[in-house]
Amino acid sequence: SSDVCSSDLELIGGLTIEEKAGLGIVGRKDKTYAAGNKKLMDELGVSCGEADDADTVVFIAEDGLLVGAIFIGDEIKSGDNRAIGTLNAMNIGIMMLTGDNQKSAEKVATALGIENYMAGLMPEEKQRIVKELSKNHKVAFVGDGINDAPSLAASHLAVAMGSGTDVASLCSDVIITDNNVGKIPDLIKLSKKTARIVKENIYGSIAVKAAALVLSVVGAAPMWVAVLADVGVMVLASLNSLRLFKKTD
């Protein structure tokens, strides 16, 4: 729920720390310190202008005055392009939802070939979009931060990265331990293959047992038929399940 991202007050070395979800953090002791995005600076009345840069900017303020800024660039990993390309080939719609600024989001979306994206979103805005999409579609959400927790909880399938926050992991159904986004298409293929094999095992077992039941009713069911309908079906289902170890194309 959205409560996951609510502000928390902590006392660290006499400094009161307040986390503002989607904005940054504010610390108070003798002075007020803040680190976060432009929305946080606007909320605190700090004049910081517009950062004409495609990177994510973290502004640093002290007692209402801007004292610095940190520019954080997004690195495109080798598996990201493969994942996006494979998902597109599978006719799976992709939307990027980010709290980063428009230029940063556009840079990443262009590099990855993502046409549908939205930038500058707060956690509750991401969650609202996921809920709207979930009304007519099956939605899988991939995230790793505290701000992603509400959206992960609202999606049909929540996928978190192993290096992400504990909150994101708690809200997820699947955790990719090596943080390789390129494994998401493989995850989907394996899930579909698993569901198919499970159905084969269920229908096959029912068919064999039904045939054995019919034979027993007409008095034509020797002992080996009863064994086949019981232990044999279990063995066949187990052998069929071993196909999951075969690499999915």
Protein backbone atom coordinates (compact mmCIF):
# COMPACT_ATOMS: atom_id res chain seq x y z
CA SER A 1 0.00 0.00 0.00
CA SER A 2 1.00 3.66 -0.18
CA ASP A 3 1.75 3.56 3.55
CA VAL A 4 5.02 1.87 2.65
CA CYS A 5 6.35 5.17 1.34
CA SER A 6 5.12 7.44 4.12
CA SER A 7 7.56 9.82 5.80
CA ASP A 8 9.59 8.42 8.67
CA LEU A 9 11.22 10.46 11.41
CA GLU A 10 14.49 9.20 12.86
CA LEU A 11 16.97 10.63 15.31
CA ILE A 12 20.58 10.05 14.24
CA GLY A 13 23.34 11.68 16.29
CA GLY A 14 20.97 14.38 17.45
CA LEU A 15 19.92 15.09 13.86
CA THR A 16 16.23 14.60 13.08
CA ILE A 17 15.89 12.96 9.67
CA GLU A 18 12.66 13.11 7.68
CA GLU A 19 12.31 11.11 4.49
CA LYS A 20 9.94 12.60 1.93
CA ALA A 21 8.91 9.90 -0.53
CA GLY A 22 9.67 10.83 -4.11
CA LEU A 23 11.34 14.08 -3.05
CA GLY A 24 14.39 13.49 -0.85
CA ILE A 25 15.39 13.88 2.80
CA VAL A 26 15.39 16.75 5.28
CA GLY A 27 17.56 16.89 8.40
CA ARG A 28 17.12 19.32 11.29
CA LYS A 29 19.34 20.14 14.24
CA ASP A 30 20.81 23.61 14.66
CA LYS A 31 20.18 24.17 10.98
CA THR A 32 17.92 22.64 8.34
CA TYR A 33 19.60 20.54 5.70
CA ALA A 34 17.95 19.07 2.63
CA ALA A 35 18.94 16.81 -0.26
CA GLY A 36 16.51 16.00 -3.03
CA ASN A 37 14.94 16.95 -6.32
CA LYS A 38 13.58 20.28 -7.51
CA LYS A 39 10.11 19.51 -6.11
CA LEU A 40 11.61 19.28 -2.63
CA MET A 41 13.51 22.53 -3.13
CA ASP A 42 10.31 24.26 -4.28
CA GLU A 43 8.49 22.91 -1.22
CA LEU A 44 11.20 24.33 1.06
CA GLY A 45 11.35 27.65 -0.80
CA VAL A 46 14.90 27.08 -2.07
CA SER A 47 15.75 28.81 -5.33
CA CYS A 48 17.68 26.39 -7.55
CA GLY A 49 16.67 27.29 -11.11
CA GLU A 50 16.45 24.67 -13.82
CA ALA A 51 19.25 22.15 -14.36
CA ASP A 52 19.75 21.94 -18.12
CA ASP A 53 21.10 18.42 -18.03
CA ALA A 54 19.92 14.96 -19.02
CA ASP A 55 21.14 13.46 -15.74
CA THR A 56 19.20 13.18 -12.50
CA VAL A 57 20.01 16.10 -10.22
CA VAL A 58 20.10 15.97 -6.42
CA PHE A 59 20.13 19.48 -4.95
CA ILE A 60 21.77 20.20 -1.57
CA ALA A 61 20.44 23.04 0.59
CA GLU A 62 21.30 24.52 3.98
CA ASP A 63 18.88 26.81 5.81
CA GLY A 64 16.96 27.62 2.64
CA LEU A 65 20.03 28.31 0.50
CA LEU A 66 21.31 26.13 -2.33
CA VAL A 67 24.88 25.00 -1.58
CA GLY A 68 25.45 22.38 -4.27
CA ALA A 69 24.11 19.79 -6.66
CA ILE A 70 24.97 16.20 -7.54
CA PHE A 71 24.44 14.94 -11.08
CA ILE A 72 23.68 11.23 -11.36
CA GLY A 73 23.78 9.59 -14.79
CA ASP A 74 21.91 6.41 -15.74
CA GLU A 75 24.02 3.62 -17.19
CA ILE A 76 22.42 1.34 -19.76
CA LYS A 77 23.37 -2.25 -18.95
CA SER A 78 24.12 -4.75 -21.68
CA GLY A 79 21.06 -6.90 -20.93
CA ASP A 80 18.60 -4.00 -21.02
CA ASN A 81 18.46 -3.61 -24.80
CA ARG A 82 18.10 -7.38 -25.23
CA ALA A 83 15.24 -7.48 -22.74
CA ILE A 84 13.34 -4.62 -24.39
CA GLY A 85 13.86 -6.06 -27.88
CA THR A 86 12.70 -9.54 -26.84
CA LEU A 87 9.63 -8.21 -25.01
CA ASN A 88 8.66 -6.16 -28.06
CA ALA A 89 9.03 -9.28 -30.23
CA MET A 90 6.71 -11.10 -27.79
CA ASN A 91 4.09 -8.35 -28.31
CA ILE A 92 4.33 -7.27 -24.66
CA GLY A 93 3.67 -3.57 -24.21
CA ILE A 94 6.35 -1.62 -22.34
CA MET A 95 5.93 1.62 -20.40
CA MET A 96 8.65 3.34 -18.41
CA LEU A 97 7.49 5.21 -15.30
CA THR A 98 10.14 7.29 -13.58
CA GLY A 99 10.56 10.08 -11.10
CA ASP A 100 13.54 11.41 -13.06
CA ASN A 101 13.29 14.61 -15.06
CA GLN A 102 12.00 14.67 -18.62
CA LYS A 103 15.43 14.96 -20.26
CA SER A 104 16.88 12.07 -18.27
CA ALA A 105 13.85 9.89 -19.05
CA GLU A 106 13.98 10.78 -22.74
CA LYS A 107 17.69 9.91 -22.89
CA VAL A 108 17.16 6.46 -21.38
CA ALA A 109 13.98 5.76 -23.38
CA THR A 110 15.71 6.65 -26.64
CA ALA A 111 18.71 4.45 -25.84
CA LEU A 112 16.45 1.49 -25.04
CA GLY A 113 13.90 2.02 -27.81
CA ILE A 114 11.01 2.66 -25.42
CA GLU A 115 8.34 4.80 -27.04
CA ASN A 116 5.89 5.03 -24.15
CA TYR A 117 7.28 6.69 -21.03
CA MET A 118 6.31 9.20 -18.34
CA ALA A 119 8.72 11.28 -16.26
CA GLY A 120 8.64 13.35 -13.09
CA LEU A 121 6.21 10.99 -11.35
CA MET A 122 5.59 10.74 -7.62
CA PRO A 123 5.16 7.25 -6.06
CA GLU A 124 1.38 7.68 -5.80
CA GLU A 125 1.21 8.75 -9.46
CA LYS A 126 3.06 5.60 -10.53
CA GLN A 127 0.68 3.53 -8.43
CA ARG A 128 -2.38 5.24 -9.95
CA ILE A 129 -1.13 4.53 -13.49
CA VAL A 130 -0.47 0.86 -12.65
CA LYS A 131 -3.96 0.51 -11.16
CA GLU A 132 -5.54 2.05 -14.26
CA LEU A 133 -3.60 -0.29 -16.56
CA SER A 134 -4.51 -3.26 -14.38
CA LYS A 135 -8.20 -2.76 -15.09
CA ASN A 136 -7.84 -3.94 -18.69
CA HIS A 137 -4.44 -5.64 -18.79
CA LYS A 138 -2.22 -8.01 -16.87
CA VAL A 139 0.53 -5.75 -15.54
CA ALA A 140 4.04 -6.73 -14.47
CA PHE A 141 5.99 -4.00 -12.70
CA VAL A 142 9.77 -4.03 -12.35
CA GLY A 143 11.37 -1.84 -9.69
CA ASP A 144 14.01 -1.70 -6.99
CA GLY A 145 13.43 1.39 -4.85
CA ILE A 146 11.27 2.54 -1.97
CA ASN A 147 9.31 4.72 -4.37
CA ASP A 148 8.45 1.64 -6.45
CA ALA A 149 6.89 -0.27 -3.54
CA PRO A 150 3.30 1.04 -4.00
CA SER A 151 3.38 0.21 -7.73
CA LEU A 152 4.86 -3.23 -7.08
CA ALA A 153 2.03 -3.94 -4.63
CA ALA A 154 -0.61 -2.75 -7.13
CA SER A 155 0.61 -4.87 -10.07
CA HIS A 156 -0.38 -8.42 -10.99
CA LEU A 157 3.28 -9.48 -11.06
CA ALA A 158 5.89 -7.60 -9.02
CA VAL A 159 9.53 -8.09 -9.99
CA ALA A 160 12.30 -6.63 -7.82
CA MET A 161 16.07 -6.48 -8.25
CA GLY A 162 18.25 -8.24 -5.69
CA SER A 163 20.25 -5.07 -5.04
CA GLY A 164 17.10 -3.04 -4.41
CA THR A 165 15.61 -1.93 -1.13
CA ASP A 166 14.13 -4.35 1.40
CA VAL A 167 10.73 -2.69 1.00
CA ALA A 168 10.71 -3.37 -2.76
CA SER A 169 11.69 -7.01 -2.15
CA LEU A 170 8.90 -7.46 0.40
CA CYS A 171 6.33 -6.16 -2.11
CA SER A 172 7.56 -8.40 -4.94
CA ASP A 173 6.56 -11.82 -6.25
CA VAL A 174 9.90 -12.43 -7.98
CA ILE A 175 13.41 -11.26 -7.09
CA ILE A 176 16.14 -11.26 -9.75
CA THR A 177 19.19 -11.85 -7.58
CA ASP A 178 21.87 -10.90 -10.13
CA ASN A 179 20.03 -7.69 -11.19
CA ASN A 180 20.06 -8.76 -14.85
CA VAL A 181 16.98 -7.24 -16.46
CA GLY A 182 17.72 -9.35 -19.52
CA LYS A 183 16.38 -12.38 -17.65
CA ILE A 184 12.82 -11.01 -17.56
CA PRO A 185 11.89 -12.43 -21.02
CA ASP A 186 13.37 -15.79 -19.94
CA LEU A 187 11.27 -15.59 -16.78
CA ILE A 188 8.10 -15.09 -18.82
CA LYS A 189 8.96 -17.96 -21.19
CA LEU A 190 9.74 -20.29 -18.28
CA SER A 191 6.48 -19.36 -16.55
CA LYS A 192 4.46 -20.13 -19.69
CA LYS A 193 6.30 -23.42 -20.17
CA THR A 194 5.70 -24.36 -16.52
CA ALA A 195 1.98 -23.64 -16.81
CA ARG A 196 1.79 -25.74 -20.00
CA ILE A 197 3.56 -28.72 -18.42
CA VAL A 198 1.37 -28.53 -15.32
CA LYS A 199 -1.74 -28.68 -17.52
CA GLU A 200 -0.30 -31.62 -19.46
CA ASN A 201 0.35 -33.50 -16.21
CA ILE A 202 -3.15 -32.80 -14.87
CA TYR A 203 -5.00 -33.72 -18.06
CA GLY A 204 -2.79 -36.75 -18.67
CA SER A 205 -3.32 -38.06 -15.14
CA ILE A 206 -7.07 -37.60 -15.36
CA ALA A 207 -7.20 -39.37 -18.74
CA VAL A 208 -5.22 -42.38 -17.52
CA LYS A 209 -7.19 -42.72 -14.29
CA ALA A 210 -10.50 -42.34 -16.15
CA ALA A 211 -9.49 -45.09 -18.57
CA ALA A 212 -8.51 -47.36 -15.65
CA LEU A 213 -11.83 -46.62 -13.96
CA VAL A 214 -13.78 -47.59 -17.09
CA LEU A 215 -11.80 -50.81 -17.41
CA SER A 216 -12.41 -51.69 -13.79
CA VAL A 217 -16.15 -51.09 -14.18
CA VAL A 218 -16.37 -53.58 -17.06
CA GLY A 219 -14.14 -56.03 -15.21
CA ALA A 220 -11.20 -55.75 -17.60
CA ALA A 221 -8.64 -54.10 -15.33
CA PRO A 222 -5.75 -56.41 -14.33
CA MET A 223 -3.32 -55.49 -11.56
CA TRP A 224 -0.82 -53.82 -13.89
CA VAL A 225 -3.49 -51.37 -15.04
CA ALA A 226 -4.17 -50.33 -11.44
CA VAL A 227 -0.41 -49.85 -10.85
CA LEU A 228 -0.10 -47.80 -14.02
CA ALA A 229 -3.04 -45.62 -13.02
CA ASP A 230 -1.41 -44.91 -9.66
CA VAL A 231 2.37 -45.10 -9.52
CA GLY A 232 2.86 -44.98 -13.28
CA VAL A 233 1.04 -41.68 -13.64
CA MET A 234 3.23 -40.14 -10.94
CA VAL A 235 6.38 -41.33 -12.69
CA LEU A 236 5.22 -40.02 -16.07
CA ALA A 237 4.32 -36.64 -14.58
CA SER A 238 7.74 -36.41 -12.92
CA LEU A 239 9.54 -37.27 -16.16
CA ASN A 240 7.46 -34.74 -18.08
CA SER A 241 8.33 -32.06 -15.50
CA LEU A 242 12.04 -32.64 -16.16
CA ARG A 243 11.52 -30.81 -19.47
CA LEU A 244 11.70 -27.59 -17.43
CA PHE A 245 15.46 -28.10 -17.18
CA LYS A 246 15.73 -27.87 -20.95
CA LYS A 247 16.66 -24.40 -22.10
CA THR A 248 13.60 -22.39 -23.15
CA ASP A 249 13.80 -21.02 -26.68
